[in-house]
Amino acid sequence: QVQLVQSGGGLEHTGGSRILSCAASGFAFNVYDMSWYRRPPGKERELVATISRTDKGPATTVYADSVKGRFTVSRDDAKRMVYLQMNNLQVDDTAVYYCHARLFSLQHWGQGTQVTVSS
């Protein structure tokens, strides 16, 4: 059974930090690109960050312009975990965050976790 189980999130003040975690099971973790998406209130879902599969070489990362320099995505293949370290949080970072796994047309989603940033 494929599962992406998220943890972390909650309420934070502007300038604060949070880390989101995602535990993967039921699929070959190292051949999947792993991403974090978010859906701000009243807006469409958007890609936040991606870390590439590691079976063919070192992972590479890509970030949305809005989070570059503040967020860091990482993965631990031995633990089957992916993380999103979020620093200098801003009110506009308020959203439901989703862990996502992709291998070509195969996709899996986490359950979502709310991050709320207050000024």
N, C-alpha and C. Protein backbone atom coordinates (compact mmCIF):
# COMPACT_ATOMS: atom_id res chain seq x y z
N GLN A 1 0.84 -1.19 0.00
CA GLN A 1 0.00 0.00 0.00
C GLN A 1 0.88 1.25 0.00
N VAL A 2 0.66 2.10 -1.00
CA VAL A 2 1.43 3.33 -1.10
C VAL A 2 0.92 4.34 -0.07
N GLN A 3 1.87 4.92 0.66
CA GLN A 3 1.50 5.95 1.62
C GLN A 3 2.55 7.04 1.65
N LEU A 4 2.08 8.26 1.76
CA LEU A 4 2.92 9.42 2.06
C LEU A 4 2.28 10.06 3.28
N VAL A 5 2.94 9.96 4.40
CA VAL A 5 2.38 10.46 5.65
C VAL A 5 3.17 11.68 6.10
N GLN A 6 2.48 12.77 6.17
CA GLN A 6 3.12 14.05 6.50
C GLN A 6 3.04 14.35 7.98
N SER A 7 4.01 15.12 8.44
CA SER A 7 3.99 15.63 9.80
C SER A 7 4.65 17.00 9.80
N GLY A 8 4.43 17.74 10.86
CA GLY A 8 4.92 19.11 10.96
C GLY A 8 3.80 20.08 10.67
N GLY A 9 4.13 21.31 10.41
CA GLY A 9 3.12 22.31 10.17
C GLY A 9 2.64 22.94 11.45
N GLY A 10 1.61 23.77 11.34
CA GLY A 10 1.07 24.45 12.50
C GLY A 10 1.12 25.96 12.32
N LEU A 11 1.08 26.66 13.45
CA LEU A 11 1.04 28.12 13.45
C LEU A 11 2.42 28.68 13.76
N GLU A 12 2.84 29.64 12.97
CA GLU A 12 4.14 30.27 13.16
C GLU A 12 3.99 31.77 12.94
N HIS A 13 4.89 32.55 13.52
CA HIS A 13 4.92 33.98 13.29
C HIS A 13 5.86 34.31 12.14
N THR A 14 5.68 35.47 11.53
CA THR A 14 6.57 35.87 10.45
C THR A 14 8.02 35.88 10.93
N GLY A 15 8.88 35.39 10.05
CA GLY A 15 10.29 35.27 10.39
C GLY A 15 10.66 33.97 11.05
N GLY A 16 9.68 33.21 11.43
CA GLY A 16 9.94 31.94 12.10
C GLY A 16 10.30 30.82 11.13
N SER A 17 10.52 29.64 11.68
CA SER A 17 10.93 28.47 10.89
C SER A 17 10.06 27.27 11.25
N ARG A 18 9.89 26.42 10.26
CA ARG A 18 9.17 25.17 10.45
C ARG A 18 9.80 24.13 9.55
N ILE A 19 9.67 22.87 9.94
CA ILE A 19 10.10 21.79 9.05
C ILE A 19 8.92 20.84 8.84
N LEU A 20 8.68 20.52 7.60
CA LEU A 20 7.68 19.52 7.25
C LEU A 20 8.40 18.21 6.91
N SER A 21 7.80 17.11 7.32
CA SER A 21 8.35 15.79 7.03
C SER A 21 7.33 14.94 6.30
N CYS A 22 7.84 14.03 5.50
CA CYS A 22 6.96 13.14 4.74
C CYS A 22 7.60 11.76 4.72
N ALA A 23 6.89 10.79 5.27
CA ALA A 23 7.37 9.41 5.33
C ALA A 23 6.72 8.60 4.22
N ALA A 24 7.55 7.97 3.41
CA ALA A 24 7.06 7.22 2.25
C ALA A 24 7.12 5.72 2.51
N SER A 25 6.13 5.02 2.00
CA SER A 25 6.13 3.56 2.09
C SER A 25 5.34 2.99 0.92
N GLY A 26 5.65 1.75 0.60
CA GLY A 26 4.88 1.05 -0.42
C GLY A 26 5.32 1.25 -1.85
N PHE A 27 6.43 1.93 -2.07
CA PHE A 27 6.94 2.10 -3.43
C PHE A 27 8.45 2.30 -3.37
N ALA A 28 9.09 2.18 -4.53
CA ALA A 28 10.55 2.29 -4.62
C ALA A 28 10.96 3.76 -4.52
N PHE A 29 11.21 4.19 -3.34
CA PHE A 29 11.37 5.61 -3.02
C PHE A 29 12.45 6.29 -3.86
N ASN A 30 13.59 5.62 -4.04
CA ASN A 30 14.73 6.31 -4.64
C ASN A 30 14.57 6.58 -6.14
N VAL A 31 13.55 5.98 -6.78
CA VAL A 31 13.38 6.23 -8.22
C VAL A 31 12.30 7.29 -8.48
N TYR A 32 11.77 7.85 -7.40
CA TYR A 32 10.75 8.87 -7.54
C TYR A 32 11.34 10.27 -7.29
N ASP A 33 10.92 11.21 -8.13
CA ASP A 33 11.13 12.61 -7.80
C ASP A 33 10.14 12.98 -6.70
N MET A 34 10.62 13.70 -5.71
CA MET A 34 9.78 14.08 -4.58
C MET A 34 9.61 15.59 -4.57
N SER A 35 8.40 16.02 -4.33
CA SER A 35 8.11 17.45 -4.35
C SER A 35 7.24 17.85 -3.16
N TRP A 36 7.25 19.13 -2.93
CA TRP A 36 6.29 19.76 -2.03
C TRP A 36 5.47 20.74 -2.84
N TYR A 37 4.17 20.65 -2.70
CA TYR A 37 3.23 21.60 -3.28
C TYR A 37 2.52 22.32 -2.13
N ARG A 38 1.87 23.41 -2.47
CA ARG A 38 1.03 24.08 -1.49
C ARG A 38 -0.19 24.70 -2.16
N ARG A 39 -1.25 24.82 -1.38
CA ARG A 39 -2.46 25.50 -1.85
C ARG A 39 -2.79 26.60 -0.88
N PRO A 40 -2.47 27.85 -1.26
CA PRO A 40 -2.83 28.97 -0.39
C PRO A 40 -4.35 29.14 -0.35
N PRO A 41 -4.88 29.76 0.66
CA PRO A 41 -6.34 29.94 0.74
C PRO A 41 -6.87 30.70 -0.46
N GLY A 42 -7.87 30.12 -1.12
CA GLY A 42 -8.50 30.76 -2.26
C GLY A 42 -7.69 30.74 -3.54
N LYS A 43 -6.60 30.00 -3.56
CA LYS A 43 -5.74 29.99 -4.75
C LYS A 43 -5.53 28.57 -5.25
N GLU A 44 -4.91 28.48 -6.43
CA GLU A 44 -4.60 27.19 -7.00
C GLU A 44 -3.39 26.56 -6.31
N ARG A 45 -3.30 25.26 -6.43
CA ARG A 45 -2.13 24.56 -5.91
C ARG A 45 -0.90 24.96 -6.72
N GLU A 46 0.23 25.11 -6.04
CA GLU A 46 1.47 25.51 -6.71
C GLU A 46 2.63 24.65 -6.23
N LEU A 47 3.58 24.48 -7.14
CA LEU A 47 4.78 23.72 -6.82
C LEU A 47 5.72 24.59 -5.99
N VAL A 48 6.20 24.04 -4.91
CA VAL A 48 7.12 24.76 -4.02
C VAL A 48 8.57 24.34 -4.27
N ALA A 49 8.81 23.05 -4.27
CA ALA A 49 10.18 22.55 -4.42
C ALA A 49 10.15 21.10 -4.86
N THR A 50 11.18 20.72 -5.61
CA THR A 50 11.35 19.34 -6.07
C THR A 50 12.77 18.90 -5.82
N ILE A 51 12.91 17.66 -5.39
CA ILE A 51 14.22 17.02 -5.29
C ILE A 51 14.16 15.75 -6.13
N SER A 52 15.17 15.58 -6.96
CA SER A 52 15.11 14.53 -7.97
C SER A 52 15.39 13.15 -7.39
N ARG A 53 15.06 12.14 -8.18
CA ARG A 53 15.38 10.76 -7.85
C ARG A 53 16.87 10.60 -7.69
N THR A 54 17.30 9.56 -6.98
CA THR A 54 18.72 9.40 -6.66
C THR A 54 19.32 8.12 -7.23
N ASP A 55 18.55 7.35 -7.97
CA ASP A 55 19.06 6.08 -8.48
C ASP A 55 20.03 6.28 -9.63
N LYS A 56 20.02 7.46 -10.25
CA LYS A 56 20.88 7.71 -11.40
C LYS A 56 21.98 8.73 -11.11
N GLY A 57 22.06 9.19 -9.87
CA GLY A 57 23.07 10.18 -9.53
C GLY A 57 22.61 11.03 -8.37
N PRO A 58 23.43 11.98 -7.98
CA PRO A 58 23.07 12.85 -6.85
C PRO A 58 21.78 13.61 -7.12
N ALA A 59 21.03 13.84 -6.09
CA ALA A 59 19.77 14.56 -6.23
C ALA A 59 20.03 16.01 -6.61
N THR A 60 19.14 16.56 -7.41
CA THR A 60 19.16 17.98 -7.71
C THR A 60 17.86 18.59 -7.21
N THR A 61 17.87 19.89 -7.00
CA THR A 61 16.70 20.56 -6.43
C THR A 61 16.27 21.74 -7.30
N VAL A 62 14.99 22.00 -7.25
CA VAL A 62 14.40 23.13 -7.95
C VAL A 62 13.41 23.79 -7.00
N TYR A 63 13.38 25.12 -7.03
CA TYR A 63 12.50 25.86 -6.11
C TYR A 63 11.67 26.88 -6.87
N ALA A 64 10.50 27.13 -6.34
CA ALA A 64 9.72 28.27 -6.82
C ALA A 64 10.44 29.55 -6.43
N ASP A 65 10.32 30.55 -7.28
CA ASP A 65 11.00 31.82 -7.01
C ASP A 65 10.61 32.40 -5.66
N SER A 66 9.38 32.19 -5.28
CA SER A 66 8.87 32.79 -4.05
C SER A 66 9.51 32.22 -2.78
N VAL A 67 10.15 31.06 -2.88
CA VAL A 67 10.74 30.45 -1.68
C VAL A 67 12.25 30.28 -1.78
N LYS A 68 12.83 30.63 -2.91
CA LYS A 68 14.28 30.49 -3.07
C LYS A 68 15.02 31.25 -1.99
N GLY A 69 16.00 30.59 -1.42
CA GLY A 69 16.80 31.21 -0.37
C GLY A 69 16.18 31.09 1.01
N ARG A 70 14.92 30.65 1.08
CA ARG A 70 14.26 30.52 2.38
C ARG A 70 13.91 29.06 2.70
N PHE A 71 13.53 28.31 1.69
CA PHE A 71 13.12 26.92 1.88
C PHE A 71 14.20 25.98 1.34
N THR A 72 14.33 24.83 1.97
CA THR A 72 15.26 23.81 1.53
C THR A 72 14.56 22.46 1.54
N VAL A 73 14.60 21.78 0.40
CA VAL A 73 14.04 20.43 0.30
C VAL A 73 15.19 19.43 0.38
N SER A 74 14.97 18.34 1.10
CA SER A 74 16.00 17.31 1.23
C SER A 74 15.33 15.95 1.33
N ARG A 75 16.10 14.91 1.11
CA ARG A 75 15.57 13.56 1.22
C ARG A 75 16.60 12.67 1.89
N ASP A 76 16.10 11.66 2.57
CA ASP A 76 16.94 10.64 3.20
C ASP A 76 16.41 9.30 2.70
N ASP A 77 17.07 8.77 1.70
CA ASP A 77 16.57 7.54 1.09
C ASP A 77 16.61 6.35 2.05
N ALA A 78 17.58 6.32 2.93
CA ALA A 78 17.67 5.21 3.88
C ALA A 78 16.46 5.19 4.80
N LYS A 79 15.98 6.37 5.16
CA LYS A 79 14.80 6.48 6.03
C LYS A 79 13.51 6.64 5.25
N ARG A 80 13.62 6.79 3.94
CA ARG A 80 12.46 6.98 3.08
C ARG A 80 11.68 8.23 3.51
N MET A 81 12.42 9.29 3.69
CA MET A 81 11.84 10.54 4.17
C MET A 81 12.19 11.68 3.22
N VAL A 82 11.30 12.64 3.14
CA VAL A 82 11.59 13.89 2.46
C VAL A 82 11.17 15.01 3.39
N TYR A 83 11.94 16.10 3.35
CA TYR A 83 11.74 17.20 4.28
C TYR A 83 11.64 18.52 3.54
N LEU A 84 10.96 19.45 4.16
CA LEU A 84 10.94 20.83 3.68
C LEU A 84 11.24 21.73 4.87
N GLN A 85 12.45 22.27 4.87
CA GLN A 85 12.83 23.23 5.90
C GLN A 85 12.41 24.61 5.43
N MET A 86 11.60 25.27 6.22
CA MET A 86 11.07 26.58 5.85
C MET A 86 11.56 27.61 6.84
N ASN A 87 12.35 28.56 6.34
CA ASN A 87 12.89 29.62 7.17
C ASN A 87 12.32 30.97 6.75
N ASN A 88 12.42 31.93 7.65
CA ASN A 88 11.93 33.29 7.38
C ASN A 88 10.52 33.25 6.78
N LEU A 89 9.65 32.55 7.46
CA LEU A 89 8.28 32.38 6.97
C LEU A 89 7.57 33.73 6.88
N GLN A 90 6.77 33.85 5.84
CA GLN A 90 5.99 35.05 5.59
C GLN A 90 4.49 34.70 5.56
N VAL A 91 3.67 35.73 5.72
CA VAL A 91 2.22 35.50 5.70
C VAL A 91 1.79 34.80 4.42
N ASP A 92 2.42 35.15 3.30
CA ASP A 92 2.06 34.54 2.01
C ASP A 92 2.43 33.06 1.93
N ASP A 93 3.16 32.56 2.90
CA ASP A 93 3.47 31.12 2.92
C ASP A 93 2.34 30.30 3.54
N THR A 94 1.33 30.97 4.07
CA THR A 94 0.18 30.28 4.63
C THR A 94 -0.50 29.44 3.56
N ALA A 95 -0.64 28.16 3.83
CA ALA A 95 -1.20 27.23 2.83
C ALA A 95 -1.32 25.85 3.43
N VAL A 96 -2.02 25.00 2.71
CA VAL A 96 -1.94 23.57 2.97
C VAL A 96 -0.82 23.02 2.11
N TYR A 97 0.11 22.35 2.74
CA TYR A 97 1.28 21.81 2.05
C TYR A 97 1.11 20.31 1.82
N TYR A 98 1.51 19.88 0.61
CA TYR A 98 1.35 18.48 0.23
C TYR A 98 2.68 17.89 -0.21
N CYS A 99 2.95 16.73 0.27
CA CYS A 99 4.08 15.93 -0.21
C CYS A 99 3.63 15.18 -1.47
N HIS A 100 4.51 15.06 -2.44
CA HIS A 100 4.15 14.46 -3.73
C HIS A 100 5.30 13.62 -4.25
N ALA A 101 4.96 12.47 -4.80
CA ALA A 101 5.95 11.58 -5.41
C ALA A 101 5.55 11.34 -6.86
N ARG A 102 6.52 11.41 -7.76
CA ARG A 102 6.22 11.20 -9.18
C ARG A 102 7.29 10.33 -9.84
N LEU A 103 6.80 9.36 -10.60
CA LEU A 103 7.64 8.57 -11.49
C LEU A 103 6.89 8.48 -12.81
N PHE A 104 7.28 9.30 -13.77
CA PHE A 104 6.57 9.41 -15.05
C PHE A 104 5.10 9.72 -14.76
N SER A 105 4.18 8.86 -15.13
CA SER A 105 2.76 9.15 -14.93
C SER A 105 2.24 8.68 -13.57
N LEU A 106 3.08 8.01 -12.81
CA LEU A 106 2.67 7.56 -11.48
C LEU A 106 2.84 8.69 -10.49
N GLN A 107 1.77 8.96 -9.73
CA GLN A 107 1.82 10.05 -8.75
C GLN A 107 1.19 9.59 -7.45
N HIS A 108 1.75 10.06 -6.36
CA HIS A 108 1.19 9.80 -5.04
C HIS A 108 1.21 11.10 -4.26
N TRP A 109 0.20 11.29 -3.42
CA TRP A 109 0.07 12.51 -2.64
C TRP A 109 -0.03 12.22 -1.15
N GLY A 110 0.55 13.10 -0.38
CA GLY A 110 0.34 13.06 1.05
C GLY A 110 -1.00 13.64 1.42
N GLN A 111 -1.31 13.59 2.71
CA GLN A 111 -2.64 13.98 3.15
C GLN A 111 -2.80 15.50 3.30
N GLY A 112 -1.70 16.21 3.24
CA GLY A 112 -1.74 17.66 3.41
C GLY A 112 -1.58 18.06 4.86
N THR A 113 -0.92 19.18 5.07
CA THR A 113 -0.76 19.70 6.42
C THR A 113 -0.81 21.23 6.36
N GLN A 114 -1.52 21.82 7.28
CA GLN A 114 -1.72 23.26 7.29
C GLN A 114 -0.51 23.96 7.91
N VAL A 115 -0.04 24.99 7.22
CA VAL A 115 0.95 25.91 7.78
C VAL A 115 0.31 27.30 7.76
N THR A 116 0.23 27.92 8.92
CA THR A 116 -0.34 29.25 9.03
C THR A 116 0.71 30.18 9.61
N VAL A 117 0.94 31.28 8.90
CA VAL A 117 1.93 32.26 9.34
C VAL A 117 1.19 33.55 9.67
N SER A 118 1.37 34.01 10.89
CA SER A 118 0.69 35.24 11.33
C SER A 118 1.71 36.35 11.52
N SER A 119 1.27 37.55 11.28
CA SER A 119 2.16 38.72 11.42
C SER A 119 2.18 39.22 12.85
